Amino acid sequence: MAGLYYLFFHKNAHISNPNLRVRAQINTLRQYKHYGLDCNISSLDLHLPTGSVCLDKNSMLTAMSSGGRVGKDAPYTSRGCDMRWFSSREACYILGRYSQVILVGDSMLRHVIGALNIIIREDLGYGGVTNWNFDGEEKRKCFCNRQFDVRDCSVQGIFSTADVIRHDPVSLTCPKQVPEWDTDLRMEQIVRYPIPAEEHRRLEKAIDPNPLQRKAFILGHGLWNNLEIDQALNWLDLVLDTIESKTGTGTRQRGSNPKGNLPVLLITPNAAGEKKPDEWIVSQGNKALVKFEHEMAAQASKRGIDHLGTWNMSIQATLYDGVHMDMRGNLLKAQMVLNWLDLLDM
């Protein structure tokens, strides 16, 4: 079924014309549930369109990784060509091209899938969390921006669309927007190397082995191994090996043309904020994070997989505990992932 969505939407997804700039000026979050005085977040405050949209995946990744802000929590601007800010309907079509979109990594990746769920559930208040089983206290603590508070809401995040379909199917907008939408969007939390055997088995079980079903993988790692490059590469290679062994399809470049490979995006950690605990300033501070991003970008290139850096986009953004971005930053990350997915065939 994902192939049918691909054939339909591939012709319409990436639009490059003057009207695109007009569309980008619309606050796409205004129609979301709980948008209002208590959760007044506008997409126009998160991303500032500046020019023509990037026409291919590599230029898009470079533009998004190199972009930044002019002032604290100012709207993000990509560098050079521009990214798109997709509506929920467009996001559903993009995700609908794939049978599986699997995120593997730590809490930063968990927040990205939370933001993706906000988009496809069209709910600013509780779209990224399991609000179907909340009591009154959880509803208060995990509302709106506080969905990404790792102290109060870390265990309430949504890990898969299957959970939404099982517990609150009416909240998922994609089946209404795209008839017979059937994408398995999920997160497998594997935070450190060595990878525990149970976590590795869970990842193996999650991956559909059918090579004819279209899949994409988004990976994120770093802080739990203290930004040690060797450990990060061990983690990355084991995850890539697992994907290859389960699907019978390559992830890493073979020869000069990697077109037959499964698409994999490595996202490196965002910047550290002022609340970063002092004991981590040397090993996980901004100098270490920048060096890690640059080295992992080079290593990703050697392996023929894609890389998205998030240090620039986050250095002037609000971080709850000096580590994690709030809903605004995570919605931006989610849109970056959608831009990558949208351009995989360009």
C-alpha atoms as a PDB file:
ATOM      1  CA  MET A   1       0.000   0.000   0.000  1.00  0.00           C
ATOM      2  CA  ALA A   2       2.884   2.362   0.766  1.00  0.00           C
ATOM      3  CA  GLY A   3       4.001   1.930  -2.828  1.00  0.00           C
ATOM      4  CA  LEU A   4       0.656   3.239  -4.081  1.00  0.00           C
ATOM      5  CA  TYR A   5       1.010   6.351  -1.911  1.00  0.00           C
ATOM      6  CA  TYR A   6       4.524   6.785  -3.273  1.00  0.00           C
ATOM      7  CA  LEU A   7       3.357   6.618  -6.887  1.00  0.00           C
ATOM      8  CA  PHE A   8       0.596   9.137  -6.217  1.00  0.00           C
ATOM      9  CA  PHE A   9       2.408  11.584  -4.001  1.00  0.00           C
ATOM     10  CA  HIS A  10       5.863  11.490  -5.568  1.00  0.00           C
ATOM     11  CA  LYS A  11       4.464  13.546  -8.441  1.00  0.00           C
ATOM     12  CA  ASN A  12       3.027  16.155  -6.095  1.00  0.00           C
ATOM     13  CA  ALA A  13       5.170  16.241  -2.975  1.00  0.00           C
ATOM     14  CA  HIS A  14       8.107  18.436  -3.824  1.00  0.00           C
ATOM     15  CA  ILE A  15       6.838  21.669  -5.308  1.00  0.00           C
ATOM     16  CA  SER A  16       9.179  24.419  -6.427  1.00  0.00           C
ATOM     17  CA  ASN A  17       7.257  27.467  -7.613  1.00  0.00           C
ATOM     18  CA  PRO A  18       6.600  31.067  -6.491  1.00  0.00           C
ATOM     19  CA  ASN A  19       3.315  30.108  -4.815  1.00  0.00           C
ATOM     20  CA  LEU A  20       5.228  27.966  -2.335  1.00  0.00           C
ATOM     21  CA  ARG A  21       6.472  31.058  -0.522  1.00  0.00           C
ATOM     22  CA  VAL A  22       2.891  32.242  -0.034  1.00  0.00           C
ATOM     23  CA  ARG A  23       1.817  28.897   1.381  1.00  0.00           C
ATOM     24  CA  ALA A  24       4.752  28.894   3.775  1.00  0.00           C
ATOM     25  CA  GLN A  25       3.447  32.068   5.440  1.00  0.00           C
ATOM     26  CA  ILE A  26       0.428  30.206   6.851  1.00  0.00           C
ATOM     27  CA  ASN A  27       0.433  29.184  10.511  1.00  0.00           C
ATOM     28  CA  THR A  28      -0.108  25.459  10.006  1.00  0.00           C
ATOM     29  CA  LEU A  29      -0.599  24.898  13.757  1.00  0.00           C
ATOM     30  CA  ARG A  30      -3.617  27.167  14.060  1.00  0.00           C
ATOM     31  CA  GLN A  31      -6.055  24.359  13.259  1.00  0.00           C
ATOM     32  CA  TYR A  32      -4.558  22.003  15.835  1.00  0.00           C
ATOM     33  CA  LYS A  33      -6.443  20.954  18.924  1.00  0.00           C
ATOM     34  CA  HIS A  34      -5.617  23.024  22.042  1.00  0.00           C
ATOM     35  CA  TYR A  35      -4.166  25.881  19.996  1.00  0.00           C
ATOM     36  CA  GLY A  36      -5.003  29.126  21.781  1.00  0.00           C
ATOM     37  CA  LEU A  37      -4.075  31.313  24.721  1.00  0.00           C
ATOM     38  CA  ASP A  38      -2.878  28.363  26.811  1.00  0.00           C
ATOM     39  CA  CYS A  39      -0.800  26.895  23.983  1.00  0.00           C
ATOM     40  CA  ASN A  40      -0.069  29.773  21.629  1.00  0.00           C
ATOM     41  CA  ILE A  41       2.640  28.338  19.385  1.00  0.00           C
ATOM     42  CA  SER A  42       2.696  29.387  15.744  1.00  0.00           C
ATOM     43  CA  SER A  43       4.706  27.737  12.985  1.00  0.00           C
ATOM     44  CA  LEU A  44       5.565  31.271  11.822  1.00  0.00           C
ATOM     45  CA  ASP A  45       7.465  31.766  15.096  1.00  0.00           C
ATOM     46  CA  LEU A  46       9.449  28.569  14.509  1.00  0.00           C
ATOM     47  CA  HIS A  47      10.600  28.855  10.904  1.00  0.00           C
ATOM     48  CA  LEU A  48      11.230  31.962   8.823  1.00  0.00           C
ATOM     49  CA  PRO A  49      11.046  31.305   5.048  1.00  0.00           C
ATOM     50  CA  THR A  50      13.795  33.193   3.237  1.00  0.00           C
ATOM     51  CA  GLY A  51      14.195  31.943  -0.306  1.00  0.00           C
ATOM     52  CA  SER A  52      13.691  29.183  -2.819  1.00  0.00           C
ATOM     53  CA  VAL A  53      13.241  25.664  -1.508  1.00  0.00           C
ATOM     54  CA  CYS A  54      16.155  23.213  -1.778  1.00  0.00           C
ATOM     55  CA  LEU A  55      15.714  20.958  -4.794  1.00  0.00           C
ATOM     56  CA  ASP A  56      17.553  17.858  -3.603  1.00  0.00           C
ATOM     57  CA  LYS A  57      18.292  15.922  -0.430  1.00  0.00           C
ATOM     58  CA  ASN A  58      21.954  16.811  -0.046  1.00  0.00           C
ATOM     59  CA  SER A  59      21.482  20.557  -0.455  1.00  0.00           C
ATOM     60  CA  MET A  60      18.541  20.376   1.961  1.00  0.00           C
ATOM     61  CA  LEU A  61      20.590  18.591   4.642  1.00  0.00           C
ATOM     62  CA  THR A  62      23.426  21.106   4.246  1.00  0.00           C
ATOM     63  CA  ALA A  63      21.022  24.049   4.435  1.00  0.00           C
ATOM     64  CA  MET A  64      19.217  22.707   7.504  1.00  0.00           C
ATOM     65  CA  SER A  65      22.423  21.754   9.336  1.00  0.00           C
ATOM     66  CA  SER A  66      23.985  25.164   8.605  1.00  0.00           C
ATOM     67  CA  GLY A  67      20.980  27.343   9.438  1.00  0.00           C
ATOM     68  CA  GLY A  68      20.381  29.193  12.676  1.00  0.00           C
ATOM     69  CA  ARG A  69      18.619  32.021  14.511  1.00  0.00           C
ATOM     70  CA  VAL A  70      19.106  35.744  14.964  1.00  0.00           C
ATOM     71  CA  GLY A  71      18.415  36.107  18.675  1.00  0.00           C
ATOM     72  CA  LYS A  72      17.179  33.902  21.518  1.00  0.00           C
ATOM     73  CA  ASP A  73      14.258  31.690  20.404  1.00  0.00           C
ATOM     74  CA  ALA A  74      13.957  33.661  17.153  1.00  0.00           C
ATOM     75  CA  PRO A  75      12.500  31.832  14.148  1.00  0.00           C
ATOM     76  CA  TYR A  76      14.944  29.419  12.564  1.00  0.00           C
ATOM     77  CA  THR A  77      16.290  30.162   9.083  1.00  0.00           C
ATOM     78  CA  SER A  78      18.065  27.593   6.920  1.00  0.00           C
ATOM     79  CA  ARG A  79      21.210  28.701   5.105  1.00  0.00           C
ATOM     80  CA  GLY A  80      21.203  29.080   1.341  1.00  0.00           C
ATOM     81  CA  CYS A  81      18.127  27.321   0.027  1.00  0.00           C
ATOM     82  CA  ASP A  82      15.096  26.840   2.256  1.00  0.00           C
ATOM     83  CA  MET A  83      13.306  23.951   3.937  1.00  0.00           C
ATOM     84  CA  ARG A  84       9.555  23.505   3.788  1.00  0.00           C
ATOM     85  CA  TRP A  85       7.108  23.614   6.688  1.00  0.00           C
ATOM     86  CA  PHE A  86       4.585  20.882   5.954  1.00  0.00           C
ATOM     87  CA  SER A  87       0.928  20.774   6.934  1.00  0.00           C
ATOM     88  CA  SER A  88      -0.353  17.665   8.692  1.00  0.00           C
ATOM     89  CA  ARG A  89      -1.948  16.483   5.444  1.00  0.00           C
ATOM     90  CA  GLU A  90       1.352  16.802   3.597  1.00  0.00           C
ATOM     91  CA  ALA A  91       3.138  15.019   6.460  1.00  0.00           C
ATOM     92  CA  CYS A  92       0.647  12.149   6.205  1.00  0.00           C
ATOM     93  CA  TYR A  93       1.308  11.789   2.483  1.00  0.00           C
ATOM     94  CA  ILE A  94       5.075  11.840   2.981  1.00  0.00           C
ATOM     95  CA  LEU A  95       4.978   9.234   5.758  1.00  0.00           C
ATOM     96  CA  GLY A  96       2.434   7.257   3.755  1.00  0.00           C
ATOM     97  CA  ARG A  97       5.040   6.427   1.117  1.00  0.00           C
ATOM     98  CA  TYR A  98       6.709   4.086   3.611  1.00  0.00           C
ATOM     99  CA  SER A  99       5.546   0.891   5.267  1.00  0.00           C
ATOM    100  CA  GLN A 100       7.879   1.672   8.177  1.00  0.00           C
ATOM    101  CA  VAL A 101       9.655   4.762   9.464  1.00  0.00           C
ATOM    102  CA  ILE A 102      11.752   3.643  12.419  1.00  0.00           C
ATOM    103  CA  LEU A 103      13.634   5.942  14.794  1.00  0.00           C
ATOM    104  CA  VAL A 104      16.424   4.388  16.859  1.00  0.00           C
ATOM    105  CA  GLY A 105      18.216   6.244  19.621  1.00  0.00           C
ATOM    106  CA  ASP A 106      17.913   8.204  22.837  1.00  0.00           C
ATOM    107  CA  SER A 107      15.543  10.740  24.392  1.00  0.00           C
ATOM    108  CA  MET A 108      16.300  13.320  21.689  1.00  0.00           C
ATOM    109  CA  LEU A 109      14.946  10.900  19.074  1.00  0.00           C
ATOM    110  CA  ARG A 110      12.038  10.078  21.374  1.00  0.00           C
ATOM    111  CA  HIS A 111      11.149  13.761  21.325  1.00  0.00           C
ATOM    112  CA  VAL A 112      11.322  13.830  17.519  1.00  0.00           C
ATOM    113  CA  ILE A 113       8.756  11.046  17.245  1.00  0.00           C
ATOM    114  CA  GLY A 114       6.690  12.904  19.841  1.00  0.00           C
ATOM    115  CA  ALA A 115       6.714  15.988  17.619  1.00  0.00           C
ATOM    116  CA  LEU A 116       5.820  13.907  14.563  1.00  0.00           C
ATOM    117  CA  ASN A 117       2.827  12.589  16.489  1.00  0.00           C
ATOM    118  CA  ILE A 118       1.786  16.147  17.351  1.00  0.00           C
ATOM    119  CA  ILE A 119       1.714  16.843  13.614  1.00  0.00           C
ATOM    120  CA  ILE A 120      -0.183  13.732  12.538  1.00  0.00           C
ATOM    121  CA  ARG A 121      -2.608  13.965  15.492  1.00  0.00           C
ATOM    122  CA  GLU A 122      -3.016  17.743  15.028  1.00  0.00           C
ATOM    123  CA  ASP A 123      -2.891  18.262  18.783  1.00  0.00           C
ATOM    124  CA  LEU A 124      -0.585  20.858  20.356  1.00  0.00           C
ATOM    125  CA  GLY A 125      -1.749  20.066  23.863  1.00  0.00           C
ATOM    126  CA  TYR A 126      -1.192  16.315  24.080  1.00  0.00           C
ATOM    127  CA  GLY A 127      -0.291  15.070  20.587  1.00  0.00           C
ATOM    128  CA  GLY A 128       3.106  13.692  21.595  1.00  0.00           C
ATOM    129  CA  VAL A 129       2.026  11.845  24.744  1.00  0.00           C
ATOM    130  CA  THR A 130      -0.291   9.020  25.807  1.00  0.00           C
ATOM    131  CA  ASN A 131      -3.052  11.310  27.034  1.00  0.00           C
ATOM    132  CA  TRP A 132      -5.671   8.561  26.683  1.00  0.00           C
ATOM    133  CA  ASN A 133      -4.574   7.164  30.054  1.00  0.00           C
ATOM    134  CA  PHE A 134      -3.754  10.429  31.858  1.00  0.00           C
ATOM    135  CA  ASP A 135      -5.062  11.374  35.254  1.00  0.00           C
ATOM    136  CA  GLY A 136      -5.671  15.000  36.174  1.00  0.00           C
ATOM    137  CA  GLU A 137      -2.128  15.545  37.445  1.00  0.00           C
ATOM    138  CA  GLU A 138      -0.553  14.186  34.254  1.00  0.00           C
ATOM    139  CA  LYS A 139      -2.845  16.350  32.138  1.00  0.00           C
ATOM    140  CA  ARG A 140      -1.587  19.374  34.036  1.00  0.00           C
ATOM    141  CA  LYS A 141       2.108  18.442  34.003  1.00  0.00           C
ATOM    142  CA  CYS A 142       2.328  17.247  30.387  1.00  0.00           C
ATOM    143  CA  PHE A 143       0.315  19.898  28.549  1.00  0.00           C
ATOM    144  CA  CYS A 144       1.588  21.816  25.511  1.00  0.00           C
ATOM    145  CA  ASN A 145       5.281  22.723  25.783  1.00  0.00           C
ATOM    146  CA  ARG A 146       5.650  20.558  28.889  1.00  0.00           C
ATOM    147  CA  GLN A 147       5.132  17.353  26.859  1.00  0.00           C
ATOM    148  CA  PHE A 148       8.899  17.364  26.414  1.00  0.00           C
ATOM    149  CA  ASP A 149       9.816  17.909  30.056  1.00  0.00           C
ATOM    150  CA  VAL A 150      12.021  14.878  30.744  1.00  0.00           C
ATOM    151  CA  ARG A 151      11.482  15.117  34.484  1.00  0.00           C
ATOM    152  CA  ASP A 152       7.690  14.938  34.535  1.00  0.00           C
ATOM    153  CA  CYS A 153       6.765  13.428  31.155  1.00  0.00           C
ATOM    154  CA  SER A 154       9.581  11.090  30.112  1.00  0.00           C
ATOM    155  CA  VAL A 155       7.563   7.854  30.349  1.00  0.00           C
ATOM    156  CA  GLN A 156       4.398   9.258  28.761  1.00  0.00           C
ATOM    157  CA  GLY A 157       5.787   9.719  25.261  1.00  0.00           C
ATOM    158  CA  ILE A 158       4.259   7.907  22.277  1.00  0.00           C
ATOM    159  CA  PHE A 159       6.584   5.276  20.850  1.00  0.00           C
ATOM    160  CA  SER A 160       4.505   4.025  17.904  1.00  0.00           C
ATOM    161  CA  THR A 161       1.452   4.804  15.813  1.00  0.00           C
ATOM    162  CA  ALA A 162       0.274   1.287  16.654  1.00  0.00           C
ATOM    163  CA  ASP A 163      -0.272   2.464  20.244  1.00  0.00           C
ATOM    164  CA  VAL A 164      -2.313   5.432  19.025  1.00  0.00           C
ATOM    165  CA  ILE A 165      -4.408   3.201  16.766  1.00  0.00           C
ATOM    166  CA  ARG A 166      -4.971   0.781  19.638  1.00  0.00           C
ATOM    167  CA  HIS A 167      -5.942   3.339  22.282  1.00  0.00           C
ATOM    168  CA  ASP A 168      -7.106   6.536  20.538  1.00  0.00           C
ATOM    169  CA  PRO A 169      -7.537   5.886  16.801  1.00  0.00           C
ATOM    170  CA  VAL A 170      -9.851   8.835  16.216  1.00  0.00           C
ATOM    171  CA  SER A 171      -7.011  11.219  17.152  1.00  0.00           C
ATOM    172  CA  LEU A 172      -4.829  10.077  14.242  1.00  0.00           C
ATOM    173  CA  THR A 173      -5.535  12.342  11.298  1.00  0.00           C
ATOM    174  CA  CYS A 174      -3.648  10.429   8.566  1.00  0.00           C
ATOM    175  CA  PRO A 175      -6.286   7.730   7.912  1.00  0.00           C
ATOM    176  CA  LYS A 176      -8.810  10.545   7.428  1.00  0.00           C
ATOM    177  CA  GLN A 177      -6.488  12.503   5.120  1.00  0.00           C
ATOM    178  CA  VAL A 178      -5.147   9.510   3.170  1.00  0.00           C
ATOM    179  CA  PRO A 179      -7.551   6.548   2.844  1.00  0.00           C
ATOM    180  CA  GLU A 180      -5.972   3.250   3.980  1.00  0.00           C
ATOM    181  CA  TRP A 181      -2.895   5.001   5.355  1.00  0.00           C
ATOM    182  CA  ASP A 182      -0.909   2.249   7.050  1.00  0.00           C
ATOM    183  CA  THR A 183       2.556   3.489   8.020  1.00  0.00           C
ATOM    184  CA  ASP A 184       4.299   1.959  11.024  1.00  0.00           C
ATOM    185  CA  LEU A 185       5.961   5.004  12.617  1.00  0.00           C
ATOM    186  CA  ARG A 186       7.848   3.820  15.677  1.00  0.00           C
ATOM    187  CA  MET A 187      10.718   4.473  18.057  1.00  0.00           C
ATOM    188  CA  GLU A 188      13.152   1.900  19.450  1.00  0.00           C
ATOM    189  CA  GLN A 189      15.030   3.357  22.405  1.00  0.00           C
ATOM    190  CA  ILE A 190      18.654   2.177  22.337  1.00  0.00           C
ATOM    191  CA  VAL A 191      20.782   4.760  24.074  1.00  0.00           C
ATOM    192  CA  ARG A 192      24.278   3.330  24.575  1.00  0.00           C
ATOM    193  CA  TYR A 193      26.945   0.920  23.442  1.00  0.00           C
ATOM    194  CA  PRO A 194      27.366  -1.935  24.280  1.00  0.00           C
ATOM    195  CA  ILE A 195      23.722  -2.446  23.310  1.00  0.00           C
ATOM    196  CA  PRO A 196      21.883  -4.654  25.835  1.00  0.00           C
ATOM    197  CA  ALA A 197      20.811  -7.976  24.323  1.00  0.00           C
ATOM    198  CA  GLU A 198      17.120  -7.364  25.021  1.00  0.00           C
ATOM    199  CA  GLU A 199      17.176  -3.971  23.278  1.00  0.00           C
ATOM    200  CA  HIS A 200      18.928  -5.523  20.291  1.00  0.00           C
ATOM    201  CA  ARG A 201      16.335  -8.314  20.078  1.00  0.00           C
ATOM    202  CA  ARG A 202      13.555  -5.728  20.277  1.00  0.00           C
ATOM    203  CA  LEU A 203      15.035  -3.815  17.342  1.00  0.00           C
ATOM    204  CA  GLU A 204      15.339  -6.995  15.294  1.00  0.00           C
ATOM    205  CA  LYS A 205      11.721  -7.865  16.024  1.00  0.00           C
ATOM    206  CA  ALA A 206      10.514  -4.371  15.069  1.00  0.00           C
ATOM    207  CA  ILE A 207      11.993  -4.387  11.550  1.00  0.00           C
ATOM    208  CA  ASP A 208       9.784  -5.844   8.830  1.00  0.00           C
ATOM    209  CA  PRO A 209      12.017  -8.258   6.855  1.00  0.00           C
ATOM    210  CA  ASN A 210      10.053  -7.855   3.606  1.00  0.00           C
ATOM    211  CA  PRO A 211      12.508  -6.159   1.197  1.00  0.00           C
ATOM    212  CA  LEU A 212       9.640  -5.046  -1.047  1.00  0.00           C
ATOM    213  CA  GLN A 213       8.142  -2.838   1.672  1.00  0.00           C
ATOM    214  CA  ARG A 214       9.600   0.679   1.619  1.00  0.00           C
ATOM    215  CA  LYS A 215      11.352   1.699   4.850  1.00  0.00           C
ATOM    216  CA  ALA A 216      13.361   4.596   6.248  1.00  0.00           C
ATOM    217  CA  PHE A 217      15.477   4.772   9.396  1.00  0.00           C
ATOM    218  CA  ILE A 218      16.391   7.780  11.547  1.00  0.00           C
ATOM    219  CA  LEU A 219      19.186   7.213  14.070  1.00  0.00           C
ATOM    220  CA  GLY A 220      20.468   9.334  16.941  1.00  0.00           C
ATOM    221  CA  HIS A 221      23.219   8.702  19.462  1.00  0.00           C
ATOM    222  CA  GLY A 222      25.961  10.389  21.456  1.00  0.00           C
ATOM    223  CA  LEU A 223      25.417  11.652  24.986  1.00  0.00           C
ATOM    224  CA  TRP A 224      24.933   8.281  26.697  1.00  0.00           C
ATOM    225  CA  ASN A 225      28.401   7.270  25.502  1.00  0.00           C
ATOM    226  CA  ASN A 226      29.795  10.661  26.488  1.00  0.00           C
ATOM    227  CA  LEU A 227      30.359  11.700  22.845  1.00  0.00           C
ATOM    228  CA  GLU A 228      33.113   9.100  22.459  1.00  0.00           C
ATOM    229  CA  ILE A 229      33.550   8.602  18.721  1.00  0.00           C
ATOM    230  CA  ASP A 230      34.664   4.954  18.888  1.00  0.00           C
ATOM    231  CA  GLN A 231      31.677   3.940  20.988  1.00  0.00           C
ATOM    232  CA  ALA A 232      29.307   5.954  18.828  1.00  0.00           C
ATOM    233  CA  LEU A 233      30.626   4.233  15.696  1.00  0.00           C
ATOM    234  CA  ASN A 234      30.304   0.819  17.334  1.00  0.00           C
ATOM    235  CA  TRP A 235      26.679   1.674  18.145  1.00  0.00           C
ATOM    236  CA  LEU A 236      26.039   2.961  14.629  1.00  0.00           C
ATOM    237  CA  ASP A 237      27.602  -0.022  12.874  1.00  0.00           C
ATOM    238  CA  LEU A 238      25.715  -2.547  14.996  1.00  0.00           C
ATOM    239  CA  VAL A 239      22.405  -0.817  14.267  1.00  0.00           C
ATOM    240  CA  LEU A 240      23.232  -0.697  10.539  1.00  0.00           C
ATOM    241  CA  ASP A 241      24.269  -4.369  10.599  1.00  0.00           C
ATOM    242  CA  THR A 242      20.971  -5.255  12.271  1.00  0.00           C
ATOM    243  CA  ILE A 243      18.941  -3.370   9.664  1.00  0.00           C
ATOM    244  CA  GLU A 244      20.868  -5.044   6.841  1.00  0.00           C
ATOM    245  CA  SER A 245      20.574  -8.547   8.284  1.00  0.00           C
ATOM    246  CA  LYS A 246      16.822  -8.230   8.883  1.00  0.00           C
ATOM    247  CA  THR A 247      15.958  -6.710   5.502  1.00  0.00           C
ATOM    248  CA  GLY A 248      18.565  -8.299   3.264  1.00  0.00           C
ATOM    249  CA  THR A 249      19.156  -4.800   1.895  1.00  0.00           C
ATOM    250  CA  GLY A 250      22.235  -2.596   2.209  1.00  0.00           C
ATOM    251  CA  THR A 251      22.374   0.588   4.244  1.00  0.00           C
ATOM    252  CA  ARG A 252      25.962   1.530   3.494  1.00  0.00           C
ATOM    253  CA  GLN A 253      27.304   2.619   0.152  1.00  0.00           C
ATOM    254  CA  ARG A 254      28.439  -0.114  -2.205  1.00  0.00           C
ATOM    255  CA  GLY A 255      30.459   1.270  -5.108  1.00  0.00           C
ATOM    256  CA  SER A 256      29.735   4.662  -6.581  1.00  0.00           C
ATOM    257  CA  ASN A 257      25.926   4.433  -6.677  1.00  0.00           C
ATOM    258  CA  PRO A 258      24.105   3.987  -3.329  1.00  0.00           C
ATOM    259  CA  LYS A 259      20.624   4.215  -4.894  1.00  0.00           C
ATOM    260  CA  GLY A 260      19.738   0.646  -3.896  1.00  0.00           C
ATOM    261  CA  ASN A 261      20.440   1.262  -0.234  1.00  0.00           C
ATOM    262  CA  LEU A 262      17.826   1.677   2.467  1.00  0.00           C
ATOM    263  CA  PRO A 263      17.618   5.365   3.449  1.00  0.00           C
ATOM    264  CA  VAL A 264      19.249   6.102   6.805  1.00  0.00           C
ATOM    265  CA  LEU A 265      19.561   9.511   8.475  1.00  0.00           C
ATOM    266  CA  LEU A 266      21.914  10.059  11.414  1.00  0.00           C
ATOM    267  CA  ILE A 267      20.942  13.011  13.629  1.00  0.00           C
ATOM    268  CA  THR A 268      23.636  14.257  15.989  1.00  0.00           C
ATOM    269  CA  PRO A 269      22.784  15.939  19.328  1.00  0.00           C
ATOM    270  CA  ASN A 270      21.642  19.532  19.661  1.00  0.00           C
ATOM    271  CA  ALA A 271      23.587  22.227  21.515  1.00  0.00           C
ATOM    272  CA  ALA A 272      24.026  22.406  25.269  1.00  0.00           C
ATOM    273  CA  GLY A 273      22.195  25.111  27.189  1.00  0.00           C
ATOM    274  CA  GLU A 274      22.988  27.202  30.232  1.00  0.00           C
ATOM    275  CA  LYS A 275      21.410  24.632  32.576  1.00  0.00           C
ATOM    276  CA  LYS A 276      23.795  21.872  31.512  1.00  0.00           C
ATOM    277  CA  PRO A 277      25.219  20.398  34.768  1.00  0.00           C
ATOM    278  CA  ASP A 278      28.757  21.569  35.454  1.00  0.00           C
ATOM    279  CA  GLU A 279      30.166  18.039  35.603  1.00  0.00           C
ATOM    280  CA  TRP A 280      29.329  17.552  31.911  1.00  0.00           C
ATOM    281  CA  ILE A 281      30.602  20.876  30.553  1.00  0.00           C
ATOM    282  CA  VAL A 282      33.974  19.512  29.408  1.00  0.00           C
ATOM    283  CA  SER A 283      32.903  16.127  28.004  1.00  0.00           C
ATOM    284  CA  GLN A 284      29.455  17.173  26.707  1.00  0.00           C
ATOM    285  CA  GLY A 285      29.671  20.952  26.374  1.00  0.00           C
ATOM    286  CA  ASN A 286      29.323  22.884  23.151  1.00  0.00           C
ATOM    287  CA  LYS A 287      32.944  22.469  22.036  1.00  0.00           C
ATOM    288  CA  ALA A 288      32.665  18.692  22.425  1.00  0.00           C
ATOM    289  CA  LEU A 289      29.259  18.661  20.706  1.00  0.00           C
ATOM    290  CA  VAL A 290      30.525  20.597  17.681  1.00  0.00           C
ATOM    291  CA  LYS A 291      33.554  18.318  17.314  1.00  0.00           C
ATOM    292  CA  PHE A 292      31.293  15.262  17.624  1.00  0.00           C
ATOM    293  CA  GLU A 293      28.904  16.595  14.977  1.00  0.00           C
ATOM    294  CA  HIS A 294      31.718  17.259  12.515  1.00  0.00           C
ATOM    295  CA  GLU A 295      33.367  13.864  13.038  1.00  0.00           C
ATOM    296  CA  MET A 296      30.101  11.908  12.846  1.00  0.00           C
ATOM    297  CA  ALA A 297      29.147  13.784   9.677  1.00  0.00           C
ATOM    298  CA  ALA A 298      32.397  12.592   8.107  1.00  0.00           C
ATOM    299  CA  GLN A 299      31.851   9.041   9.346  1.00  0.00           C
ATOM    300  CA  ALA A 300      28.282   9.014   8.047  1.00  0.00           C
ATOM    301  CA  SER A 301      29.560  10.101   4.644  1.00  0.00           C
ATOM    302  CA  LYS A 302      32.109   7.259   4.629  1.00  0.00           C
ATOM    303  CA  ARG A 303      29.276   4.822   5.299  1.00  0.00           C
ATOM    304  CA  GLY A 304      27.057   6.251   2.588  1.00  0.00           C
ATOM    305  CA  ILE A 305      24.308   7.348   4.982  1.00  0.00           C
ATOM    306  CA  ASP A 306      22.862  10.827   5.465  1.00  0.00           C
ATOM    307  CA  HIS A 307      23.580  13.207   8.335  1.00  0.00           C
ATOM    308  CA  LEU A 308      21.646  16.074   9.906  1.00  0.00           C
ATOM    309  CA  GLY A 309      23.382  18.362  12.367  1.00  0.00           C
ATOM    310  CA  THR A 310      21.248  20.115  14.990  1.00  0.00           C
ATOM    311  CA  TRP A 311      23.807  22.188  16.882  1.00  0.00           C
ATOM    312  CA  ASN A 312      23.321  25.360  14.830  1.00  0.00           C
ATOM    313  CA  MET A 313      19.519  25.213  14.934  1.00  0.00           C
ATOM    314  CA  SER A 314      19.512  24.876  18.732  1.00  0.00           C
ATOM    315  CA  ILE A 315      22.333  27.053  20.088  1.00  0.00           C
ATOM    316  CA  GLN A 316      19.986  30.022  20.677  1.00  0.00           C
ATOM    317  CA  ALA A 317      16.910  27.974  21.573  1.00  0.00           C
ATOM    318  CA  THR A 318      15.360  27.174  24.952  1.00  0.00           C
ATOM    319  CA  LEU A 319      16.508  23.877  26.469  1.00  0.00           C
ATOM    320  CA  TYR A 320      14.702  22.555  29.529  1.00  0.00           C
ATOM    321  CA  ASP A 321      17.667  21.118  31.402  1.00  0.00           C
ATOM    322  CA  GLY A 322      20.540  22.251  29.234  1.00  0.00           C
ATOM    323  CA  VAL A 323      20.074  19.122  27.092  1.00  0.00           C
ATOM    324  CA  HIS A 324      16.544  18.720  25.718  1.00  0.00           C
ATOM    325  CA  MET A 325      14.663  21.128  23.457  1.00  0.00           C
ATOM    326  CA  ASP A 326      11.067  22.121  24.146  1.00  0.00           C
ATOM    327  CA  MET A 327       8.128  21.511  21.807  1.00  0.00           C
ATOM    328  CA  ARG A 328       9.116  24.375  19.526  1.00  0.00           C
ATOM    329  CA  GLY A 329      12.558  22.945  18.856  1.00  0.00           C
ATOM    330  CA  ASN A 330      11.272  19.413  18.452  1.00  0.00           C
ATOM    331  CA  LEU A 331       8.585  20.456  15.978  1.00  0.00           C
ATOM    332  CA  LEU A 332      11.383  22.026  13.936  1.00  0.00           C
ATOM    333  CA  LYS A 333      13.410  18.804  14.101  1.00  0.00           C
ATOM    334  CA  ALA A 334      10.341  16.821  13.021  1.00  0.00           C
ATOM    335  CA  GLN A 335       9.867  19.104  10.023  1.00  0.00           C
ATOM    336  CA  MET A 336      13.523  18.587   9.111  1.00  0.00           C
ATOM    337  CA  VAL A 337      12.973  14.825   9.140  1.00  0.00           C
ATOM    338  CA  LEU A 338       9.917  15.262   6.902  1.00  0.00           C
ATOM    339  CA  ASN A 339      11.979  17.369   4.476  1.00  0.00           C
ATOM    340  CA  TRP A 340      14.560  14.579   4.296  1.00  0.00           C
ATOM    341  CA  LEU A 341      11.889  11.936   3.713  1.00  0.00           C
ATOM    342  CA  ASP A 342      10.284  14.138   1.069  1.00  0.00           C
ATOM    343  CA  LEU A 343      13.480  14.448  -0.965  1.00  0.00           C
ATOM    344  CA  LEU A 344      14.866  10.920  -0.804  1.00  0.00           C
ATOM    345  CA  ASP A 345      14.164  10.324  -4.484  1.00  0.00           C
ATOM    346  CA  MET A 346      15.116  13.753  -5.819  1.00  0.00           C
END
